[in-house]
């Protein structure tokens, strides 16, 4: 599986952005796709994941109610709609994929995209 993340940019606090994660290679429908982020000087942290086969979703508490993950299986693309952005959301956002069940730790995801930078100004 190859992943390509895009959609990052500069936005003011309270604004919105939509990130995309386009997949190529093996079929998408049997995978879990997750988003992680890494702020400067911090560890990469889990944001949200979606399980295509079961339709399960899991959000980190820090983004619940503000971020929404969705996907288009035909396009092999997962979207992360980010609303009510805060300066603390500033980070490089990575999409990642794994098989079967949702996980929240980076080590469980073998496939990674290159990251896209989101900067939220105050």
N, C-alpha and C. Protein backbone atom coordinates (compact mmCIF):
# COMPACT_ATOMS: atom_id res chain seq x y z
N UNK A 1 0.86 -1.20 0.00
CA UNK A 1 0.00 0.00 0.00
C UNK A 1 0.89 1.24 0.00
N UNK A 2 0.62 2.14 -0.92
CA UNK A 2 1.30 3.44 -0.94
C UNK A 2 0.28 4.52 -0.60
N UNK A 3 0.68 5.44 0.25
CA UNK A 3 -0.22 6.48 0.72
C UNK A 3 0.33 7.86 0.40
N UNK A 4 -0.54 8.76 0.00
CA UNK A 4 -0.16 10.13 -0.34
C UNK A 4 -1.09 11.09 0.39
N UNK A 5 -0.54 11.81 1.35
CA UNK A 5 -1.34 12.78 2.11
C UNK A 5 -1.22 14.16 1.47
N UNK A 6 -2.31 14.91 1.51
CA UNK A 6 -2.31 16.26 0.97
C UNK A 6 -3.38 17.09 1.66
N UNK A 7 -3.35 18.40 1.39
CA UNK A 7 -4.40 19.28 1.89
C UNK A 7 -3.99 20.19 3.03
N UNK A 8 -2.77 20.05 3.51
CA UNK A 8 -2.33 20.91 4.59
C UNK A 8 -2.17 22.34 4.14
N UNK A 9 -1.99 23.23 5.11
CA UNK A 9 -1.81 24.63 4.80
C UNK A 9 -1.87 25.48 6.04
N UNK A 10 -1.96 26.77 5.81
CA UNK A 10 -2.02 27.75 6.91
C UNK A 10 -3.46 28.23 7.06
N UNK A 11 -3.96 28.20 8.28
CA UNK A 11 -5.33 28.61 8.54
C UNK A 11 -5.37 29.33 9.89
N UNK A 12 -6.31 30.26 10.02
CA UNK A 12 -6.47 30.95 11.29
C UNK A 12 -7.24 30.09 12.28
N UNK A 13 -7.03 30.34 13.54
CA UNK A 13 -7.76 29.62 14.58
C UNK A 13 -9.26 29.77 14.34
N UNK A 14 -9.96 28.67 14.50
CA UNK A 14 -11.39 28.64 14.23
C UNK A 14 -11.74 28.23 12.83
N UNK A 15 -10.75 28.16 11.97
CA UNK A 15 -10.97 27.80 10.58
C UNK A 15 -11.02 26.31 10.35
N UNK A 16 -11.09 25.94 9.07
CA UNK A 16 -11.23 24.54 8.70
C UNK A 16 -10.24 24.18 7.59
N UNK A 17 -9.89 22.91 7.55
CA UNK A 17 -9.10 22.33 6.47
C UNK A 17 -9.59 20.91 6.25
N UNK A 18 -9.41 20.43 5.03
CA UNK A 18 -9.69 19.03 4.76
C UNK A 18 -8.44 18.38 4.19
N UNK A 19 -7.99 17.35 4.88
CA UNK A 19 -6.85 16.57 4.41
C UNK A 19 -7.35 15.36 3.63
N UNK A 20 -6.53 14.94 2.70
CA UNK A 20 -6.84 13.75 1.92
C UNK A 20 -5.70 12.75 2.02
N UNK A 21 -6.04 11.49 1.99
CA UNK A 21 -5.04 10.42 1.97
C UNK A 21 -5.44 9.48 0.85
N UNK A 22 -4.68 9.53 -0.24
CA UNK A 22 -4.96 8.70 -1.40
C UNK A 22 -4.10 7.45 -1.36
N UNK A 23 -4.72 6.31 -1.56
CA UNK A 23 -4.02 5.04 -1.48
C UNK A 23 -3.89 4.42 -2.86
N UNK A 24 -2.82 3.70 -3.04
CA UNK A 24 -2.65 2.92 -4.26
C UNK A 24 -2.06 1.58 -3.87
N UNK A 25 -2.17 0.64 -4.75
CA UNK A 25 -1.65 -0.68 -4.45
C UNK A 25 -2.78 -1.63 -4.09
N UNK A 26 -2.62 -2.32 -2.98
CA UNK A 26 -3.59 -3.32 -2.58
C UNK A 26 -4.93 -2.70 -2.26
N UNK A 27 -5.97 -3.54 -2.33
CA UNK A 27 -7.32 -3.05 -2.11
C UNK A 27 -7.46 -2.33 -0.78
N UNK A 28 -8.24 -1.30 -0.79
CA UNK A 28 -8.37 -0.43 0.37
C UNK A 28 -9.39 -0.96 1.35
N UNK A 29 -10.37 -1.72 0.88
CA UNK A 29 -11.54 -2.04 1.70
C UNK A 29 -11.21 -2.92 2.90
N UNK A 30 -10.09 -3.60 2.91
CA UNK A 30 -9.77 -4.49 4.02
C UNK A 30 -8.83 -3.84 5.03
N UNK A 31 -8.59 -2.57 4.90
CA UNK A 31 -7.60 -1.92 5.74
C UNK A 31 -8.22 -0.96 6.74
N UNK A 32 -7.44 -0.68 7.76
CA UNK A 32 -7.69 0.41 8.68
C UNK A 32 -6.81 1.57 8.25
N UNK A 33 -7.38 2.75 8.16
CA UNK A 33 -6.60 3.95 7.84
C UNK A 33 -6.67 4.90 9.01
N UNK A 34 -5.53 5.34 9.42
CA UNK A 34 -5.46 6.25 10.56
C UNK A 34 -4.73 7.53 10.21
N UNK A 35 -5.01 8.54 10.99
CA UNK A 35 -4.28 9.80 10.91
C UNK A 35 -3.52 10.00 12.22
N UNK A 36 -2.28 10.38 12.08
CA UNK A 36 -1.45 10.74 13.22
C UNK A 36 -0.93 12.16 12.97
N UNK A 37 -0.42 12.78 14.02
CA UNK A 37 0.19 14.09 13.84
C UNK A 37 1.40 14.22 14.74
N UNK A 38 2.32 15.06 14.29
CA UNK A 38 3.53 15.29 15.07
C UNK A 38 3.84 16.77 15.08
N UNK A 39 3.73 17.36 16.27
CA UNK A 39 4.06 18.76 16.46
C UNK A 39 5.56 18.89 16.70
N UNK A 40 6.12 20.06 16.45
CA UNK A 40 7.56 20.26 16.66
C UNK A 40 7.99 19.90 18.08
N UNK A 41 8.99 19.06 18.18
CA UNK A 41 9.52 18.68 19.49
C UNK A 41 8.68 17.68 20.26
N UNK A 42 7.64 17.16 19.63
CA UNK A 42 6.75 16.22 20.33
C UNK A 42 6.71 14.87 19.61
N UNK A 43 6.20 13.89 20.34
CA UNK A 43 6.03 12.57 19.76
C UNK A 43 4.86 12.57 18.77
N UNK A 44 4.92 11.65 17.83
CA UNK A 44 3.80 11.47 16.91
C UNK A 44 2.64 10.88 17.68
N UNK A 45 1.46 11.48 17.53
CA UNK A 45 0.30 11.02 18.30
C UNK A 45 -0.86 10.64 17.40
N UNK A 46 -1.66 9.74 17.90
CA UNK A 46 -2.84 9.27 17.18
C UNK A 46 -3.91 10.35 17.16
N UNK A 47 -4.60 10.46 16.03
CA UNK A 47 -5.70 11.41 15.88
C UNK A 47 -7.03 10.69 15.70
N UNK A 48 -7.10 9.84 14.69
CA UNK A 48 -8.36 9.18 14.37
C UNK A 48 -8.07 8.02 13.43
N UNK A 49 -8.95 7.02 13.43
CA UNK A 49 -8.81 5.91 12.50
C UNK A 49 -10.18 5.41 12.09
N UNK A 50 -10.22 4.81 10.91
CA UNK A 50 -11.44 4.23 10.39
C UNK A 50 -11.14 2.83 9.89
N UNK A 51 -12.05 1.91 10.21
CA UNK A 51 -11.96 0.54 9.73
C UNK A 51 -12.94 0.38 8.58
N UNK A 52 -12.44 0.15 7.41
CA UNK A 52 -13.30 0.06 6.24
C UNK A 52 -14.26 -1.12 6.32
N UNK A 53 -13.79 -2.27 6.72
CA UNK A 53 -14.62 -3.46 6.68
C UNK A 53 -15.74 -3.41 7.70
N UNK A 54 -15.48 -2.89 8.88
CA UNK A 54 -16.49 -2.86 9.94
C UNK A 54 -17.16 -1.53 10.11
N UNK A 55 -16.62 -0.51 9.44
CA UNK A 55 -17.19 0.82 9.58
C UNK A 55 -16.93 1.46 10.91
N UNK A 56 -15.98 0.94 11.67
CA UNK A 56 -15.68 1.49 12.99
C UNK A 56 -14.85 2.76 12.87
N UNK A 57 -15.07 3.64 13.85
CA UNK A 57 -14.30 4.87 13.93
C UNK A 57 -13.77 5.01 15.35
N UNK A 58 -12.63 5.68 15.46
CA UNK A 58 -12.11 5.96 16.80
C UNK A 58 -11.37 7.27 16.75
N UNK A 59 -11.75 8.19 17.64
CA UNK A 59 -11.15 9.52 17.67
C UNK A 59 -10.38 9.72 18.97
N UNK A 60 -9.28 10.43 18.88
CA UNK A 60 -8.62 10.89 20.09
C UNK A 60 -9.50 11.93 20.77
N UNK A 61 -9.45 11.98 22.08
CA UNK A 61 -10.31 12.92 22.82
C UNK A 61 -10.06 14.36 22.40
N UNK A 62 -8.84 14.66 22.04
CA UNK A 62 -8.48 16.04 21.72
C UNK A 62 -9.15 16.57 20.45
N UNK A 63 -9.67 15.68 19.62
CA UNK A 63 -10.27 16.13 18.36
C UNK A 63 -11.74 15.77 18.23
N UNK A 64 -12.28 15.07 19.21
CA UNK A 64 -13.69 14.68 19.14
C UNK A 64 -14.57 15.91 19.02
N UNK A 65 -15.54 15.80 18.12
CA UNK A 65 -16.46 16.91 17.92
C UNK A 65 -15.95 17.97 16.97
N UNK A 66 -14.67 17.92 16.63
CA UNK A 66 -14.11 18.91 15.71
C UNK A 66 -13.62 18.28 14.40
N UNK A 67 -13.09 17.09 14.47
CA UNK A 67 -12.56 16.41 13.30
C UNK A 67 -13.51 15.29 12.89
N UNK A 68 -13.59 15.05 11.58
CA UNK A 68 -14.42 13.96 11.06
C UNK A 68 -13.65 13.21 9.99
N UNK A 69 -13.58 11.90 10.14
CA UNK A 69 -12.92 11.07 9.14
C UNK A 69 -13.99 10.42 8.27
N UNK A 70 -13.70 10.33 6.98
CA UNK A 70 -14.62 9.68 6.06
C UNK A 70 -13.80 9.13 4.91
N UNK A 71 -14.45 8.36 4.07
CA UNK A 71 -13.69 7.77 2.99
C UNK A 71 -14.53 7.48 1.77
N UNK A 72 -13.85 7.37 0.68
CA UNK A 72 -14.46 7.00 -0.59
C UNK A 72 -13.71 5.79 -1.11
N UNK A 73 -14.33 4.63 -0.97
CA UNK A 73 -13.64 3.40 -1.34
C UNK A 73 -13.35 3.35 -2.84
N UNK A 74 -14.26 3.86 -3.64
CA UNK A 74 -14.06 3.84 -5.09
C UNK A 74 -12.83 4.66 -5.48
N UNK A 75 -12.60 5.75 -4.76
CA UNK A 75 -11.45 6.60 -5.04
C UNK A 75 -10.23 6.21 -4.21
N UNK A 76 -10.40 5.24 -3.32
CA UNK A 76 -9.32 4.84 -2.43
C UNK A 76 -8.74 6.04 -1.70
N UNK A 77 -9.61 6.85 -1.20
CA UNK A 77 -9.19 8.08 -0.54
C UNK A 77 -9.92 8.23 0.79
N UNK A 78 -9.17 8.60 1.81
CA UNK A 78 -9.73 8.92 3.13
C UNK A 78 -9.56 10.40 3.35
N UNK A 79 -10.58 11.01 3.93
CA UNK A 79 -10.57 12.44 4.18
C UNK A 79 -10.60 12.71 5.68
N UNK A 80 -9.94 13.77 6.07
CA UNK A 80 -10.01 14.24 7.46
C UNK A 80 -10.47 15.69 7.43
N UNK A 81 -11.73 15.89 7.77
CA UNK A 81 -12.28 17.24 7.85
C UNK A 81 -11.98 17.80 9.23
N UNK A 82 -11.28 18.90 9.27
CA UNK A 82 -10.87 19.49 10.55
C UNK A 82 -11.53 20.85 10.68
N UNK A 83 -12.40 20.97 11.66
CA UNK A 83 -13.10 22.23 11.93
C UNK A 83 -12.68 22.79 13.28
N UNK A 84 -13.01 24.04 13.50
CA UNK A 84 -12.69 24.70 14.77
C UNK A 84 -11.24 24.49 15.16
N UNK A 85 -10.37 24.70 14.20
CA UNK A 85 -8.95 24.44 14.44
C UNK A 85 -8.37 25.36 15.49
N UNK A 86 -7.44 24.81 16.25
CA UNK A 86 -6.77 25.53 17.32
C UNK A 86 -5.27 25.59 17.05
N UNK A 87 -4.58 26.55 17.60
CA UNK A 87 -3.12 26.59 17.41
C UNK A 87 -2.44 25.29 17.82
N UNK A 88 -2.97 24.63 18.83
CA UNK A 88 -2.35 23.36 19.27
C UNK A 88 -2.57 22.21 18.30
N UNK A 89 -3.37 22.44 17.25
CA UNK A 89 -3.52 21.44 16.19
C UNK A 89 -2.38 21.53 15.17
N UNK A 90 -1.54 22.54 15.30
CA UNK A 90 -0.42 22.70 14.38
C UNK A 90 0.51 21.50 14.47
N UNK A 91 0.76 20.86 13.33
CA UNK A 91 1.57 19.65 13.29
C UNK A 91 1.70 19.20 11.84
N UNK A 92 2.61 18.25 11.64
CA UNK A 92 2.62 17.49 10.39
C UNK A 92 1.66 16.32 10.57
N UNK A 93 0.73 16.21 9.66
CA UNK A 93 -0.26 15.15 9.73
C UNK A 93 0.11 14.04 8.77
N UNK A 94 0.08 12.82 9.29
CA UNK A 94 0.43 11.64 8.51
C UNK A 94 -0.76 10.70 8.43
N UNK A 95 -0.98 10.10 7.27
CA UNK A 95 -1.93 9.01 7.22
C UNK A 95 -1.15 7.70 7.18
N UNK A 96 -1.76 6.68 7.73
CA UNK A 96 -1.13 5.38 7.86
C UNK A 96 -2.17 4.29 7.67
N UNK A 97 -1.72 3.10 7.33
CA UNK A 97 -2.64 2.00 7.10
C UNK A 97 -2.12 0.71 7.73
N UNK A 98 -3.05 -0.13 8.10
CA UNK A 98 -2.75 -1.44 8.66
C UNK A 98 -3.91 -2.36 8.33
N UNK A 99 -3.75 -3.62 8.58
CA UNK A 99 -4.83 -4.56 8.34
C UNK A 99 -5.73 -4.71 9.54
N UNK A 100 -6.99 -5.13 9.26
CA UNK A 100 -7.92 -5.65 10.24
C UNK A 100 -8.44 -4.63 11.24
N UNK A 101 -7.88 -4.55 12.43
CA UNK A 101 -8.53 -3.81 13.51
C UNK A 101 -7.86 -2.47 13.78
N UNK A 102 -8.67 -1.57 14.30
CA UNK A 102 -8.18 -0.24 14.64
C UNK A 102 -7.14 -0.31 15.75
N UNK A 103 -6.11 0.50 15.61
CA UNK A 103 -5.08 0.62 16.64
C UNK A 103 -4.73 2.09 16.78
N UNK A 104 -4.20 2.42 17.95
CA UNK A 104 -3.89 3.82 18.22
C UNK A 104 -2.40 4.08 18.40
N UNK A 105 -1.59 3.06 18.25
CA UNK A 105 -0.15 3.24 18.41
C UNK A 105 0.53 3.17 17.05
N UNK A 106 1.49 4.06 16.85
CA UNK A 106 2.13 4.18 15.54
C UNK A 106 2.84 2.90 15.12
N UNK A 107 3.38 2.16 16.07
CA UNK A 107 4.15 0.97 15.72
C UNK A 107 3.30 -0.13 15.07
N UNK A 108 1.99 -0.03 15.23
CA UNK A 108 1.12 -1.05 14.65
C UNK A 108 0.75 -0.77 13.19
N UNK A 109 1.19 0.36 12.68
CA UNK A 109 0.87 0.73 11.29
C UNK A 109 2.12 0.57 10.43
N UNK A 110 2.11 -0.38 9.51
CA UNK A 110 3.30 -0.60 8.68
C UNK A 110 3.41 0.32 7.47
N UNK A 111 2.31 0.93 7.07
CA UNK A 111 2.31 1.76 5.86
C UNK A 111 2.06 3.21 6.22
N UNK A 112 2.89 4.11 5.68
CA UNK A 112 2.80 5.52 6.03
C UNK A 112 2.91 6.40 4.79
N UNK A 113 2.17 7.49 4.80
CA UNK A 113 2.34 8.53 3.80
C UNK A 113 3.42 9.50 4.24
N UNK A 114 3.67 10.51 3.42
CA UNK A 114 4.81 11.38 3.67
C UNK A 114 4.50 12.55 4.61
N UNK A 115 3.27 12.81 4.93
CA UNK A 115 2.93 13.89 5.84
C UNK A 115 2.59 15.18 5.13
N UNK A 116 1.69 15.94 5.74
CA UNK A 116 1.32 17.24 5.22
C UNK A 116 1.21 18.21 6.39
N UNK A 117 1.77 19.40 6.23
CA UNK A 117 1.88 20.34 7.34
C UNK A 117 0.61 21.17 7.49
N UNK A 118 0.11 21.21 8.70
CA UNK A 118 -1.02 22.07 9.06
C UNK A 118 -0.52 23.09 10.07
N UNK A 119 -0.71 24.36 9.76
CA UNK A 119 -0.32 25.43 10.67
C UNK A 119 -1.53 26.27 11.00
N UNK A 120 -1.84 26.38 12.28
CA UNK A 120 -2.98 27.15 12.74
C UNK A 120 -2.47 28.37 13.49
N UNK A 121 -2.77 29.54 12.97
CA UNK A 121 -2.30 30.78 13.59
C UNK A 121 -3.33 31.30 14.58
N UNK A 122 -2.85 31.95 15.61
CA UNK A 122 -3.76 32.46 16.65
C UNK A 122 -4.22 33.88 16.33
